[in-house]
Amino acid sequence: MPTPAKPNGRRGANAKAPEEPAGPQPCSACRATGNVFANRAGEQVSVACPWCQGSGSWSPGFDAQDAGVFPGA
């Protein structure tokens, strides 16, 4: 008896793309705290999360890199 094929991560031609959730979602980068840790001069410091801008919730469609919130980017 042949073993079933393993999924390869590809969607079929007729498969729909997953829908983006509407409205703000909890930010996974900071775990909805609004802060992330950065290593500055060998010390760990807490800074406002650039993905949710410190709010703790992420808005679908917002791109932190495109918005220029990363210093030196």
C-alpha atoms as a PDB file:
ATOM      1  CA  MET A   1       0.000   0.000   0.000  1.00  0.00           C
ATOM      2  CA  PRO A   2       1.595   3.340  -1.036  1.00  0.00           C
ATOM      3  CA  THR A   3       2.063   6.045   1.554  1.00  0.00           C
ATOM      4  CA  PRO A   4       0.108   9.278   1.028  1.00  0.00           C
ATOM      5  CA  ALA A   5       2.023  12.202  -0.405  1.00  0.00           C
ATOM      6  CA  LYS A   6       3.227  14.788   2.059  1.00  0.00           C
ATOM      7  CA  PRO A   7       2.005  18.351   1.576  1.00  0.00           C
ATOM      8  CA  ASN A   8       4.688  20.491  -0.016  1.00  0.00           C
ATOM      9  CA  GLY A   9       3.385  23.864   1.144  1.00  0.00           C
ATOM     10  CA  ARG A  10       2.078  24.829  -2.274  1.00  0.00           C
ATOM     11  CA  ARG A  11      -1.510  25.775  -2.940  1.00  0.00           C
ATOM     12  CA  GLY A  12      -3.360  24.249  -5.840  1.00  0.00           C
ATOM     13  CA  ALA A  13      -4.312  26.367  -8.837  1.00  0.00           C
ATOM     14  CA  ASN A  14      -7.859  26.825  -7.546  1.00  0.00           C
ATOM     15  CA  ALA A  15      -6.953  27.417  -3.901  1.00  0.00           C
ATOM     16  CA  LYS A  16      -7.796  30.799  -2.436  1.00  0.00           C
ATOM     17  CA  ALA A  17      -5.155  32.868  -0.695  1.00  0.00           C
ATOM     18  CA  PRO A  18      -5.768  33.159   3.051  1.00  0.00           C
ATOM     19  CA  GLU A  19      -7.794  36.234   3.886  1.00  0.00           C
ATOM     20  CA  GLU A  20      -6.102  38.943   5.894  1.00  0.00           C
ATOM     21  CA  PRO A  21      -7.905  39.575   9.188  1.00  0.00           C
ATOM     22  CA  ALA A  22      -9.836  42.814   9.346  1.00  0.00           C
ATOM     23  CA  GLY A  23      -8.929  45.328  12.013  1.00  0.00           C
ATOM     24  CA  PRO A  24      -6.124  45.402  14.557  1.00  0.00           C
ATOM     25  CA  GLN A  25      -4.643  42.115  15.779  1.00  0.00           C
ATOM     26  CA  PRO A  26      -2.375  41.432  18.789  1.00  0.00           C
ATOM     27  CA  CYS A  27       1.206  42.157  17.745  1.00  0.00           C
ATOM     28  CA  SER A  28       3.213  38.932  17.580  1.00  0.00           C
ATOM     29  CA  ALA A  29       6.585  40.718  17.442  1.00  0.00           C
ATOM     30  CA  CYS A  30       6.236  42.144  20.970  1.00  0.00           C
ATOM     31  CA  ARG A  31       3.613  39.656  22.203  1.00  0.00           C
ATOM     32  CA  ALA A  32       1.143  42.557  22.534  1.00  0.00           C
ATOM     33  CA  THR A  33       3.267  44.333  25.165  1.00  0.00           C
ATOM     34  CA  GLY A  34       4.229  47.284  22.956  1.00  0.00           C
ATOM     35  CA  ASN A  35       7.932  46.858  23.800  1.00  0.00           C
ATOM     36  CA  VAL A  36      10.808  44.826  22.404  1.00  0.00           C
ATOM     37  CA  PHE A  37      14.371  44.495  23.636  1.00  0.00           C
ATOM     38  CA  ALA A  38      17.324  45.889  21.716  1.00  0.00           C
ATOM     39  CA  ASN A  39      21.014  45.368  22.302  1.00  0.00           C
ATOM     40  CA  ARG A  40      22.658  48.774  22.529  1.00  0.00           C
ATOM     41  CA  ALA A  41      26.347  49.006  23.389  1.00  0.00           C
ATOM     42  CA  GLY A  42      26.214  45.559  24.964  1.00  0.00           C
ATOM     43  CA  GLU A  43      23.230  46.355  27.179  1.00  0.00           C
ATOM     44  CA  GLN A  44      19.692  45.141  26.692  1.00  0.00           C
ATOM     45  CA  VAL A  45      17.208  48.019  26.633  1.00  0.00           C
ATOM     46  CA  SER A  46      13.446  48.079  26.142  1.00  0.00           C
ATOM     47  CA  VAL A  47      12.242  50.123  23.156  1.00  0.00           C
ATOM     48  CA  ALA A  48       8.831  50.731  21.590  1.00  0.00           C
ATOM     49  CA  CYS A  49       7.947  47.974  19.140  1.00  0.00           C
ATOM     50  CA  PRO A  50       8.464  49.253  15.576  1.00  0.00           C
ATOM     51  CA  TRP A  51       5.807  46.915  14.133  1.00  0.00           C
ATOM     52  CA  CYS A  52       2.924  48.130  16.305  1.00  0.00           C
ATOM     53  CA  GLN A  53       4.531  51.469  17.258  1.00  0.00           C
ATOM     54  CA  GLY A  54       4.168  50.654  20.948  1.00  0.00           C
ATOM     55  CA  SER A  55       0.423  50.075  20.883  1.00  0.00           C
ATOM     56  CA  GLY A  56       0.496  46.282  21.292  1.00  0.00           C
ATOM     57  CA  SER A  57      -1.844  45.766  18.336  1.00  0.00           C
ATOM     58  CA  TRP A  58      -0.830  45.388  14.721  1.00  0.00           C
ATOM     59  CA  SER A  59      -2.917  46.687  11.825  1.00  0.00           C
ATOM     60  CA  PRO A  60      -3.023  44.427   8.760  1.00  0.00           C
ATOM     61  CA  GLY A  61      -1.304  46.031   5.810  1.00  0.00           C
ATOM     62  CA  PHE A  62       1.078  48.157   7.913  1.00  0.00           C
ATOM     63  CA  ASP A  63       4.719  47.675   6.871  1.00  0.00           C
ATOM     64  CA  ALA A  64       7.192  48.958   9.468  1.00  0.00           C
ATOM     65  CA  GLN A  65      10.096  48.801   7.027  1.00  0.00           C
ATOM     66  CA  ASP A  66       8.217  50.734   4.331  1.00  0.00           C
ATOM     67  CA  ALA A  67       7.111  53.315   6.912  1.00  0.00           C
ATOM     68  CA  GLY A  68      10.754  53.960   7.850  1.00  0.00           C
ATOM     69  CA  VAL A  69      10.406  53.284  11.563  1.00  0.00           C
ATOM     70  CA  PHE A  70      13.721  51.401  11.736  1.00  0.00           C
ATOM     71  CA  PRO A  71      16.646  53.714  12.532  1.00  0.00           C
ATOM     72  CA  GLY A  72      19.422  53.514   9.967  1.00  0.00           C
ATOM     73  CA  ALA A  73      17.286  51.563   7.502  1.00  0.00           C
END
